PDB file of N, CA and C in Angstrom:
ATOM      1  N   UNK A   1     -16.576  13.893 -21.210  1.00  0.00           N
ATOM      2  CA  UNK A   1     -15.495  13.620 -20.259  1.00  0.00           C
ATOM      3  C   UNK A   1     -15.011  12.411 -20.664  1.00  0.00           C
ATOM      4  N   UNK A   2     -13.696  12.515 -20.463  1.00  0.00           N
ATOM      5  CA  UNK A   2     -13.060  11.365 -21.106  1.00  0.00           C
ATOM      6  C   UNK A   2     -12.584  10.321 -19.944  1.00  0.00           C
ATOM      7  N   UNK A   3     -12.723   9.383 -20.082  1.00  0.00           N
ATOM      8  CA  UNK A   3     -12.419   8.477 -18.661  1.00  0.00           C
ATOM      9  C   UNK A   3     -10.997   7.773 -19.219  1.00  0.00           C
ATOM     10  N   UNK A   4      -9.822   7.965 -18.415  1.00  0.00           N
ATOM     11  CA  UNK A   4      -8.489   7.074 -18.626  1.00  0.00           C
ATOM     12  C   UNK A   4      -8.394   6.236 -17.435  1.00  0.00           C
ATOM     13  N   UNK A   5      -8.129   5.186 -17.965  1.00  0.00           N
ATOM     14  CA  UNK A   5      -7.651   3.982 -16.890  1.00  0.00           C
ATOM     15  C   UNK A   5      -6.275   3.805 -17.101  1.00  0.00           C
ATOM     16  N   UNK A   6      -6.016   3.849 -15.582  1.00  0.00           N
ATOM     17  CA  UNK A   6      -4.548   3.396 -15.446  1.00  0.00           C
ATOM     18  C   UNK A   6      -4.298   2.302 -14.652  1.00  0.00           C
ATOM     19  N   UNK A   7      -3.528   1.229 -15.035  1.00  0.00           N
ATOM     20  CA  UNK A   7      -3.397  -0.056 -14.230  1.00  0.00           C
ATOM     21  C   UNK A   7      -1.723  -0.034 -14.003  1.00  0.00           C
ATOM     22  N   UNK A   8      -1.488  -0.281 -12.533  1.00  0.00           N
ATOM     23  CA  UNK A   8      -0.315   0.085 -11.999  1.00  0.00           C
ATOM     24  C   UNK A   8       0.077  -1.626 -11.742  1.00  0.00           C
ATOM     25  N   UNK A   9       1.319  -1.863 -12.508  1.00  0.00           N
ATOM     26  CA  UNK A   9       1.501  -3.550 -12.587  1.00  0.00           C
ATOM     27  C   UNK A   9       1.786  -4.017 -10.773  1.00  0.00           C
ATOM     28  N   UNK A  10       2.472  -3.280 -10.183  1.00  0.00           N
ATOM     29  CA  UNK A  10       2.931  -3.716  -8.848  1.00  0.00           C
ATOM     30  C   UNK A  10       2.541  -2.544  -8.007  1.00  0.00           C
ATOM     31  N   UNK A  11       1.555  -2.837  -7.080  1.00  0.00           N
ATOM     32  CA  UNK A  11       1.011  -1.896  -6.300  1.00  0.00           C
ATOM     33  C   UNK A  11       0.958  -2.743  -4.923  1.00  0.00           C
ATOM     34  N   UNK A  12       0.441  -1.604  -3.874  1.00  0.00           N
ATOM     35  CA  UNK A  12      -0.336  -2.020  -2.449  1.00  0.00           C
ATOM     36  C   UNK A  12      -0.885  -1.092  -1.722  1.00  0.00           C
ATOM     37  N   UNK A  13      -1.834  -1.600  -1.211  1.00  0.00           N
ATOM     38  CA  UNK A  13      -2.926  -1.138  -0.343  1.00  0.00           C
ATOM     39  C   UNK A  13      -2.798  -1.120   1.172  1.00  0.00           C
ATOM     40  N   UNK A  14      -2.908   0.115   2.020  1.00  0.00           N
ATOM     41  CA  UNK A  14      -2.712  -0.411   3.458  1.00  0.00           C
ATOM     42  C   UNK A  14      -3.653   0.124   4.267  1.00  0.00           C
ATOM     43  N   UNK A  15      -4.106  -0.795   5.039  1.00  0.00           N
ATOM     44  CA  UNK A  15      -5.080  -0.485   5.996  1.00  0.00           C
ATOM     45  C   UNK A  15      -4.342  -0.074   7.672  1.00  0.00           C
ATOM     46  N   UNK A  16      -4.477   1.055   7.976  1.00  0.00           N
ATOM     47  CA  UNK A  16      -3.642   1.230   8.987  1.00  0.00           C
ATOM     48  C   UNK A  16      -4.682   1.738  10.128  1.00  0.00           C
ATOM     49  N   UNK A  17      -4.225   0.801  11.215  1.00  0.00           N
ATOM     50  CA  UNK A  17      -4.922   1.074  12.501  1.00  0.00           C
ATOM     51  C   UNK A  17      -3.896   1.843  13.765  1.00  0.00           C
ATOM     52  N   UNK A  18      -4.319   1.858  14.856  1.00  0.00           N
ATOM     53  CA  UNK A  18      -3.413   2.097  15.793  1.00  0.00           C
ATOM     54  C   UNK A  18      -2.088   1.381  16.477  1.00  0.00           C
ATOM     55  N   UNK A  19      -2.548  -0.019  16.219  1.00  0.00           N
ATOM     56  CA  UNK A  19      -1.476  -1.088  16.692  1.00  0.00           C
ATOM     57  C   UNK A  19      -0.900  -1.864  15.718  1.00  0.00           C
ATOM     58  N   UNK A  20      -1.529  -1.762  14.476  1.00  0.00           N
ATOM     59  CA  UNK A  20      -0.984  -2.714  13.268  1.00  0.00           C
ATOM     60  C   UNK A  20      -1.642  -2.223  11.967  1.00  0.00           C
ATOM     61  N   UNK A  21      -1.021  -2.564  10.642  1.00  0.00           N
ATOM     62  CA  UNK A  21      -1.485  -2.155   9.872  1.00  0.00           C
ATOM     63  C   UNK A  21      -1.694  -3.602   8.806  1.00  0.00           C
ATOM     64  N   UNK A  22      -2.324  -3.621   8.037  1.00  0.00           N
ATOM     65  CA  UNK A  22      -2.578  -4.764   7.074  1.00  0.00           C
ATOM     66  C   UNK A  22      -2.014  -4.004   5.657  1.00  0.00           C
ATOM     67  N   UNK A  23      -1.223  -4.823   4.890  1.00  0.00           N
ATOM     68  CA  UNK A  23      -0.680  -4.437   3.745  1.00  0.00           C
ATOM     69  C   UNK A  23      -1.335  -5.431   2.627  1.00  0.00           C
ATOM     70  N   UNK A  24      -1.465  -5.494   1.437  1.00  0.00           N
ATOM     71  CA  UNK A  24      -1.826  -6.045   0.798  1.00  0.00           C
ATOM     72  C   UNK A  24      -0.953  -5.682  -0.538  1.00  0.00           C
ATOM     73  N   UNK A  25      -0.345  -6.690  -1.371  1.00  0.00           N
ATOM     74  CA  UNK A  25       0.313  -6.101  -2.416  1.00  0.00           C
ATOM     75  C   UNK A  25      -0.144  -7.204  -3.507  1.00  0.00           C
ATOM     76  N   UNK A  26      -0.386  -6.383  -4.903  1.00  0.00           N
ATOM     77  CA  UNK A  26      -1.234  -6.858  -5.984  1.00  0.00           C
ATOM     78  C   UNK A  26       0.243  -6.946  -7.068  1.00  0.00           C
ATOM     79  N   UNK A  27       0.695  -8.127  -7.410  1.00  0.00           N
ATOM     80  CA  UNK A  27       1.773  -7.951  -8.720  1.00  0.00           C
ATOM     81  C   UNK A  27       1.358  -9.183  -9.833  1.00  0.00           C
ATOM     82  N   UNK A  28       2.098  -9.095 -10.644  1.00  0.00           N
ATOM     83  CA  UNK A  28       1.751  -9.981 -11.757  1.00  0.00           C
ATOM     84  C   UNK A  28       2.077 -11.418 -11.411  1.00  0.00           C
ATOM     85  N   UNK A  29       0.963 -12.527 -11.623  1.00  0.00           N
ATOM     86  CA  UNK A  29       1.263 -13.903 -11.266  1.00  0.00           C
ATOM     87  C   UNK A  29       0.972 -14.945 -12.553  1.00  0.00           C
ATOM     88  N   UNK A  30       1.325 -15.749 -12.421  1.00  0.00           N
ATOM     89  CA  UNK A  30       1.653 -16.905 -13.282  1.00  0.00           C
ATOM     90  C   UNK A  30       0.574 -16.567 -14.576  1.00  0.00           C
ATOM     91  N   UNK A  31       1.033 -16.947 -15.879  1.00  0.00           N
ATOM     92  CA  UNK A  31       0.104 -16.822 -16.709  1.00  0.00           C
ATOM     93  C   UNK A  31      -0.580 -15.768 -17.016  1.00  0.00           C
ATOM     94  N   UNK A  32      -0.043 -14.548 -16.725  1.00  0.00           N
ATOM     95  CA  UNK A  32      -0.745 -13.413 -16.998  1.00  0.00           C
ATOM     96  C   UNK A  32      -1.610 -12.809 -15.927  1.00  0.00           C
ATOM     97  N   UNK A  33      -2.238 -13.769 -14.709  1.00  0.00           N
ATOM     98  CA  UNK A  33      -3.062 -13.417 -13.754  1.00  0.00           C
ATOM     99  C   UNK A  33      -2.412 -12.518 -12.860  1.00  0.00           C
ATOM    100  N   UNK A  34      -3.149 -12.146 -11.737  1.00  0.00           N
ATOM    101  CA  UNK A  34      -2.448 -11.483 -10.812  1.00  0.00           C
ATOM    102  C   UNK A  34      -2.638 -12.112  -9.402  1.00  0.00           C
ATOM    103  N   UNK A  35      -1.443 -11.800  -8.818  1.00  0.00           N
ATOM    104  CA  UNK A  35      -1.141 -12.488  -7.296  1.00  0.00           C
ATOM    105  C   UNK A  35      -1.334 -11.458  -6.266  1.00  0.00           C
ATOM    106  N   UNK A  36      -2.129 -11.594  -5.204  1.00  0.00           N
ATOM    107  CA  UNK A  36      -2.366 -10.967  -3.948  1.00  0.00           C
ATOM    108  C   UNK A  36      -1.681 -11.597  -2.826  1.00  0.00           C
ATOM    109  N   UNK A  37      -1.085 -10.952  -2.095  1.00  0.00           N
ATOM    110  CA  UNK A  37      -0.632 -11.581  -0.762  1.00  0.00           C
ATOM    111  C   UNK A  37      -0.568 -10.232   0.311  1.00  0.00           C
ATOM    112  N   UNK A  38      -1.299 -10.860   1.229  1.00  0.00           N
ATOM    113  CA  UNK A  38      -1.706  -9.559   2.607  1.00  0.00           C
ATOM    114  C   UNK A  38      -0.952 -10.213   3.642  1.00  0.00           C
ATOM    115  N   UNK A  39      -0.153  -9.083   4.467  1.00  0.00           N
ATOM    116  CA  UNK A  39       0.474  -9.191   5.730  1.00  0.00           C
ATOM    117  C   UNK A  39       0.234  -8.070   6.561  1.00  0.00           C
ATOM    118  N   UNK A  40       0.445  -8.500   7.937  1.00  0.00           N
ATOM    119  CA  UNK A  40      -0.043  -7.769   8.851  1.00  0.00           C
ATOM    120  C   UNK A  40       1.350  -7.050   9.606  1.00  0.00           C
ATOM    121  N   UNK A  41       1.368  -6.076   9.899  1.00  0.00           N
ATOM    122  CA  UNK A  41       2.696  -5.456  10.500  1.00  0.00           C
ATOM    123  C   UNK A  41       2.386  -4.440  11.882  1.00  0.00           C
ATOM    124  N   UNK A  42       3.070  -4.438  12.771  1.00  0.00           N
ATOM    125  CA  UNK A  42       2.960  -3.807  13.932  1.00  0.00           C
ATOM    126  C   UNK A  42       3.175  -2.353  13.316  1.00  0.00           C
ATOM    127  N   UNK A  43       2.850  -1.178  14.139  1.00  0.00           N
ATOM    128  CA  UNK A  43       2.988   0.144  13.975  1.00  0.00           C
ATOM    129  C   UNK A  43       4.548   0.647  14.307  1.00  0.00           C
ATOM    130  N   UNK A  44       5.073   0.002  14.798  1.00  0.00           N
ATOM    131  CA  UNK A  44       6.440   0.259  15.453  1.00  0.00           C
ATOM    132  C   UNK A  44       7.490   0.635  14.544  1.00  0.00           C
ATOM    133  N   UNK A  45       8.568   1.301  14.858  1.00  0.00           N
ATOM    134  CA  UNK A  45       9.581   1.581  13.786  1.00  0.00           C
ATOM    135  C   UNK A  45      10.103   0.594  13.178  1.00  0.00           C
ATOM    136  N   UNK A  46      10.462  -0.447  13.836  1.00  0.00           N
ATOM    137  CA  UNK A  46      11.092  -1.647  13.316  1.00  0.00           C
ATOM    138  C   UNK A  46      10.181  -2.411  12.410  1.00  0.00           C
ATOM    139  N   UNK A  47       8.980  -2.261  13.109  1.00  0.00           N
ATOM    140  CA  UNK A  47       7.857  -3.065  11.971  1.00  0.00           C
ATOM    141  C   UNK A  47       7.664  -2.538  10.280  1.00  0.00           C
ATOM    142  N   UNK A  48       7.723  -1.184  10.858  1.00  0.00           N
ATOM    143  CA  UNK A  48       7.408  -0.322   9.519  1.00  0.00           C
ATOM    144  C   UNK A  48       8.426  -0.456   8.450  1.00  0.00           C
ATOM    145  N   UNK A  49       9.872  -0.615   9.058  1.00  0.00           N
ATOM    146  CA  UNK A  49      10.718  -0.591   8.282  1.00  0.00           C
ATOM    147  C   UNK A  49      11.182  -2.039   7.800  1.00  0.00           C
ATOM    148  N   UNK A  50      10.303  -3.066   8.164  1.00  0.00           N
ATOM    149  CA  UNK A  50      10.256  -4.284   8.015  1.00  0.00           C
ATOM    150  C   UNK A  50       9.212  -4.441   6.891  1.00  0.00           C
ATOM    151  N   UNK A  51       8.066  -3.526   6.710  1.00  0.00           N
ATOM    152  CA  UNK A  51       7.168  -3.038   5.838  1.00  0.00           C
ATOM    153  C   UNK A  51       7.609  -2.872   4.448  1.00  0.00           C
ATOM    154  N   UNK A  52       8.414  -1.809   5.049  1.00  0.00           N
ATOM    155  CA  UNK A  52       9.176  -0.888   3.605  1.00  0.00           C
ATOM    156  C   UNK A  52      10.176  -1.841   2.745  1.00  0.00           C
ATOM    157  N   UNK A  53      10.916  -2.803   3.365  1.00  0.00           N
ATOM    158  CA  UNK A  53      11.494  -3.898   2.851  1.00  0.00           C
ATOM    159  C   UNK A  53      10.842  -4.855   2.407  1.00  0.00           C
ATOM    160  N   UNK A  54       9.854  -5.411   2.321  1.00  0.00           N
ATOM    161  CA  UNK A  54       9.030  -6.237   2.137  1.00  0.00           C
ATOM    162  C   UNK A  54       8.420  -5.909   0.800  1.00  0.00           C
ATOM    163  N   UNK A  55       8.208  -4.316   0.622  1.00  0.00           N
ATOM    164  CA  UNK A  55       7.634  -3.987  -0.374  1.00  0.00           C
ATOM    165  C   UNK A  55       8.588  -3.675  -1.410  1.00  0.00           C
ATOM    166  N   UNK A  56       9.865  -3.193  -1.000  1.00  0.00           N
ATOM    167  CA  UNK A  56      10.906  -3.009  -2.102  1.00  0.00           C
ATOM    168  C   UNK A  56      11.325  -4.612  -2.530  1.00  0.00           C
ATOM    169  N   UNK A  57      11.154  -5.668  -1.979  1.00  0.00           N
ATOM    170  CA  UNK A  57      11.421  -6.918  -2.265  1.00  0.00           C
ATOM    171  C   UNK A  57      10.165  -7.208  -3.483  1.00  0.00           C
ATOM    172  N   UNK A  58       9.068  -6.934  -3.103  1.00  0.00           N
ATOM    173  CA  UNK A  58       8.117  -7.283  -4.127  1.00  0.00           C
ATOM    174  C   UNK A  58       7.948  -6.290  -5.392  1.00  0.00           C
ATOM    175  N   UNK A  59       9.179  -5.460  -5.484  1.00  0.00           N
ATOM    176  CA  UNK A  59       9.188  -4.317  -6.339  1.00  0.00           C
ATOM    177  C   UNK A  59       8.058  -3.220  -6.608  1.00  0.00           C
ATOM    178  N   UNK A  60       7.197  -3.091  -5.468  1.00  0.00           N
ATOM    179  CA  UNK A  60       6.219  -2.165  -5.570  1.00  0.00           C
ATOM    180  C   UNK A  60       6.461  -0.624  -6.253  1.00  0.00           C
ATOM    181  N   UNK A  61       5.765  -0.177  -6.727  1.00  0.00           N
ATOM    182  CA  UNK A  61       5.914   1.154  -7.202  1.00  0.00           C
ATOM    183  C   UNK A  61       5.031   2.485  -6.603  1.00  0.00           C
ATOM    184  N   UNK A  62       3.656   1.893  -6.270  1.00  0.00           N
ATOM    185  CA  UNK A  62       2.642   2.590  -5.829  1.00  0.00           C
ATOM    186  C   UNK A  62       1.969   1.965  -4.614  1.00  0.00           C
ATOM    187  N   UNK A  63       2.150   2.918  -3.443  1.00  0.00           N
ATOM    188  CA  UNK A  63       1.543   2.443  -2.351  1.00  0.00           C
ATOM    189  C   UNK A  63       0.228   3.429  -2.022  1.00  0.00           C
ATOM    190  N   UNK A  64      -0.985   2.925  -1.913  1.00  0.00           N
ATOM    191  CA  UNK A  64      -2.214   3.567  -1.458  1.00  0.00           C
ATOM    192  C   UNK A  64      -2.431   3.452  -0.024  1.00  0.00           C
ATOM    193  N   UNK A  65      -3.123   4.465   0.808  1.00  0.00           N
ATOM    194  CA  UNK A  65      -3.428   4.057   2.112  1.00  0.00           C
ATOM    195  C   UNK A  65      -4.619   5.357   2.402  1.00  0.00           C
ATOM    196  N   UNK A  66      -5.267   5.404   3.485  1.00  0.00           N
ATOM    197  CA  UNK A  66      -6.299   5.826   3.839  1.00  0.00           C
ATOM    198  C   UNK A  66      -5.595   7.127   4.760  1.00  0.00           C
ATOM    199  N   UNK A  67      -6.341   8.509   4.056  1.00  0.00           N
ATOM    200  CA  UNK A  67      -6.026   9.378   5.240  1.00  0.00           C
ATOM    201  C   UNK A  67      -6.612   9.759   6.455  1.00  0.00           C
ATOM    202  N   UNK A  68      -6.867   8.555   7.163  1.00  0.00           N
ATOM    203  CA  UNK A  68      -7.911   9.061   8.274  1.00  0.00           C
ATOM    204  C   UNK A  68      -7.104   8.883   9.867  1.00  0.00           C
ATOM    205  N   UNK A  69      -7.624  10.029  10.564  1.00  0.00           N
ATOM    206  CA  UNK A  69      -6.752  10.071  11.851  1.00  0.00           C
ATOM    207  C   UNK A  69      -5.608  10.698  11.380  1.00  0.00           C
ATOM    208  N   UNK A  70      -4.556  10.452  12.274  1.00  0.00           N
ATOM    209  CA  UNK A  70      -3.247  10.708  12.452  1.00  0.00           C
ATOM    210  C   UNK A  70      -2.249   9.582  12.377  1.00  0.00           C
ATOM    211  N   UNK A  71      -3.159   8.265  12.376  1.00  0.00           N
ATOM    212  CA  UNK A  71      -2.185   6.899  12.302  1.00  0.00           C
ATOM    213  C   UNK A  71      -1.309   6.675  10.714  1.00  0.00           C
ATOM    214  N   UNK A  72      -1.812   7.567   9.769  1.00  0.00           N
ATOM    215  CA  UNK A  72      -0.858   7.355   8.761  1.00  0.00           C
ATOM    216  C   UNK A  72       0.195   7.964   8.442  1.00  0.00           C
ATOM    217  N   UNK A  73       0.395   9.145   9.216  1.00  0.00           N
ATOM    218  CA  UNK A  73       1.553   9.843   8.946  1.00  0.00           C
ATOM    219  C   UNK A  73       3.195   9.404   9.129  1.00  0.00           C
ATOM    220  N   UNK A  74       3.164   8.653  10.261  1.00  0.00           N
ATOM    221  CA  UNK A  74       4.397   7.913  10.392  1.00  0.00           C
ATOM    222  C   UNK A  74       4.965   7.126   9.084  1.00  0.00           C
ATOM    223  N   UNK A  75       3.870   6.196   8.680  1.00  0.00           N
ATOM    224  CA  UNK A  75       3.926   5.088   7.541  1.00  0.00           C
ATOM    225  C   UNK A  75       4.210   5.897   6.279  1.00  0.00           C
ATOM    226  N   UNK A  76       3.664   7.272   5.868  1.00  0.00           N
ATOM    227  CA  UNK A  76       4.017   8.021   4.685  1.00  0.00           C
ATOM    228  C   UNK A  76       5.108   8.502   4.563  1.00  0.00           C
ATOM    229  N   UNK A  77       5.640   9.280   5.868  1.00  0.00           N
ATOM    230  CA  UNK A  77       7.035   9.736   5.993  1.00  0.00           C
ATOM    231  C   UNK A  77       8.293   8.682   5.853  1.00  0.00           C
ATOM    232  N   UNK A  78       7.811   7.549   6.708  1.00  0.00           N
ATOM    233  CA  UNK A  78       8.994   6.617   6.203  1.00  0.00           C
ATOM    234  C   UNK A  78       8.534   6.002   4.732  1.00  0.00           C
ATOM    235  N   UNK A  79       7.946   5.711   3.800  1.00  0.00           N
ATOM    236  CA  UNK A  79       7.830   5.210   2.514  1.00  0.00           C
ATOM    237  C   UNK A  79       7.790   6.459   1.491  1.00  0.00           C
ATOM    238  N   UNK A  80       7.673   7.670   1.750  1.00  0.00           N
ATOM    239  CA  UNK A  80       7.586   8.633   0.506  1.00  0.00           C
ATOM    240  C   UNK A  80       8.754   8.587  -0.014  1.00  0.00           C
ATOM    241  N   UNK A  81      10.061   8.524   0.578  1.00  0.00           N
ATOM    242  CA  UNK A  81      11.236   8.759  -0.427  1.00  0.00           C
ATOM    243  C   UNK A  81      11.505   7.320  -1.326  1.00  0.00           C
ATOM    244  N   UNK A  82      10.808   6.235  -1.011  1.00  0.00           N
ATOM    245  CA  UNK A  82      11.180   5.000  -2.039  1.00  0.00           C
ATOM    246  C   UNK A  82       9.965   4.912  -2.897  1.00  0.00           C
ATOM    247  N   UNK A  83       8.828   5.147  -2.526  1.00  0.00           N
ATOM    248  CA  UNK A  83       7.570   4.857  -3.473  1.00  0.00           C
ATOM    249  C   UNK A  83       6.646   5.992  -3.697  1.00  0.00           C
ATOM    250  N   UNK A  84       6.011   5.743  -4.700  1.00  0.00           N
ATOM    251  CA  UNK A  84       4.693   7.101  -4.917  1.00  0.00           C
ATOM    252  C   UNK A  84       3.631   6.327  -4.092  1.00  0.00           C
ATOM    253  N   UNK A  85       3.419   7.513  -3.051  1.00  0.00           N
ATOM    254  CA  UNK A  85       2.576   7.220  -1.824  1.00  0.00           C
ATOM    255  C   UNK A  85       1.520   8.088  -2.263  1.00  0.00           C
ATOM    256  N   UNK A  86       0.091   7.429  -2.381  1.00  0.00           N
ATOM    257  CA  UNK A  86      -1.209   8.010  -2.348  1.00  0.00           C
ATOM    258  C   UNK A  86      -1.940   7.971  -1.317  1.00  0.00           C
ATOM    259  N   UNK A  87      -2.601   9.019  -0.746  1.00  0.00           N
ATOM    260  CA  UNK A  87      -3.246   9.453   0.365  1.00  0.00           C
ATOM    261  C   UNK A  87      -4.644   9.512  -0.270  1.00  0.00           C
ATOM    262  N   UNK A  88      -5.635   8.521   0.144  1.00  0.00           N
ATOM    263  CA  UNK A  88      -6.838   8.608  -0.346  1.00  0.00           C
ATOM    264  C   UNK A  88      -8.136   8.352   0.880  1.00  0.00           C
ATOM    265  N   UNK A  89      -9.291   9.083   0.457  1.00  0.00           N
ATOM    266  CA  UNK A  89     -10.253   8.951   1.384  1.00  0.00           C
ATOM    267  C   UNK A  89     -11.041   7.444   1.431  1.00  0.00           C
ATOM    268  N   UNK A  90     -11.478   7.339   2.538  1.00  0.00           N
ATOM    269  CA  UNK A  90     -12.057   5.970   2.787  1.00  0.00           C
ATOM    270  C   UNK A  90     -12.868   5.417   1.267  1.00  0.00           C
ATOM    271  N   UNK A  91     -13.613   6.365   1.029  1.00  0.00           N
ATOM    272  CA  UNK A  91     -14.596   5.876  -0.018  1.00  0.00           C
ATOM    273  C   UNK A  91     -13.680   5.487  -1.372  1.00  0.00           C
ATOM    274  N   UNK A  92     -12.953   6.183  -1.511  1.00  0.00           N
ATOM    275  CA  UNK A  92     -12.019   5.686  -2.603  1.00  0.00           C
ATOM    276  C   UNK A  92     -11.283   4.289  -2.235  1.00  0.00           C
ATOM    277  N   UNK A  93     -11.007   3.959  -1.207  1.00  0.00           N
ATOM    278  CA  UNK A  93     -10.085   2.898  -0.916  1.00  0.00           C
ATOM    279  C   UNK A  93     -11.287   1.842  -1.268  1.00  0.00           C
ATOM    280  N   UNK A  94     -12.362   1.882  -0.803  1.00  0.00           N
ATOM    281  CA  UNK A  94     -13.388   0.461  -0.923  1.00  0.00           C
ATOM    282  C   UNK A  94     -13.493   0.077  -2.370  1.00  0.00           C
ATOM    283  N   UNK A  95     -13.434   1.331  -3.156  1.00  0.00           N
ATOM    284  CA  UNK A  95     -13.847   1.216  -4.698  1.00  0.00           C
ATOM    285  C   UNK A  95     -12.553   0.182  -5.851  1.00  0.00           C
ATOM    286  N   UNK A  96     -11.520   0.156  -4.736  1.00  0.00           N
ATOM    287  CA  UNK A  96     -10.256  -0.600  -5.253  1.00  0.00           C
ATOM    288  C   UNK A  96     -10.522  -1.823  -5.199  1.00  0.00           C
ATOM    289  N   UNK A  97     -10.194  -2.586  -6.398  1.00  0.00           N
ATOM    290  CA  UNK A  97     -10.289  -4.238  -5.853  1.00  0.00           C
ATOM    291  C   UNK A  97      -8.877  -4.589  -5.470  1.00  0.00           C
TER     292      UNK A  97
END
């Protein structure tokens, strides 16, 4: 089996709960390194729109989130037209740095 490793230059990971979500963005940093920034957003429509705007400002191309419960659905539907959104199980998300 051949293993292919794919690196995404500008990506985000979301941890979604009932009342809020945590978003971590990883983008290129100074001198070739990586920079990570984490923010917390409420799960209201206005806050999700602010999340989307922040992800656009960061020039994110791929967003990964856990597909647990029903909490992911509004976030997914709001982001799917702007980003490549990946629904992953919890085990996959824990293995992503």
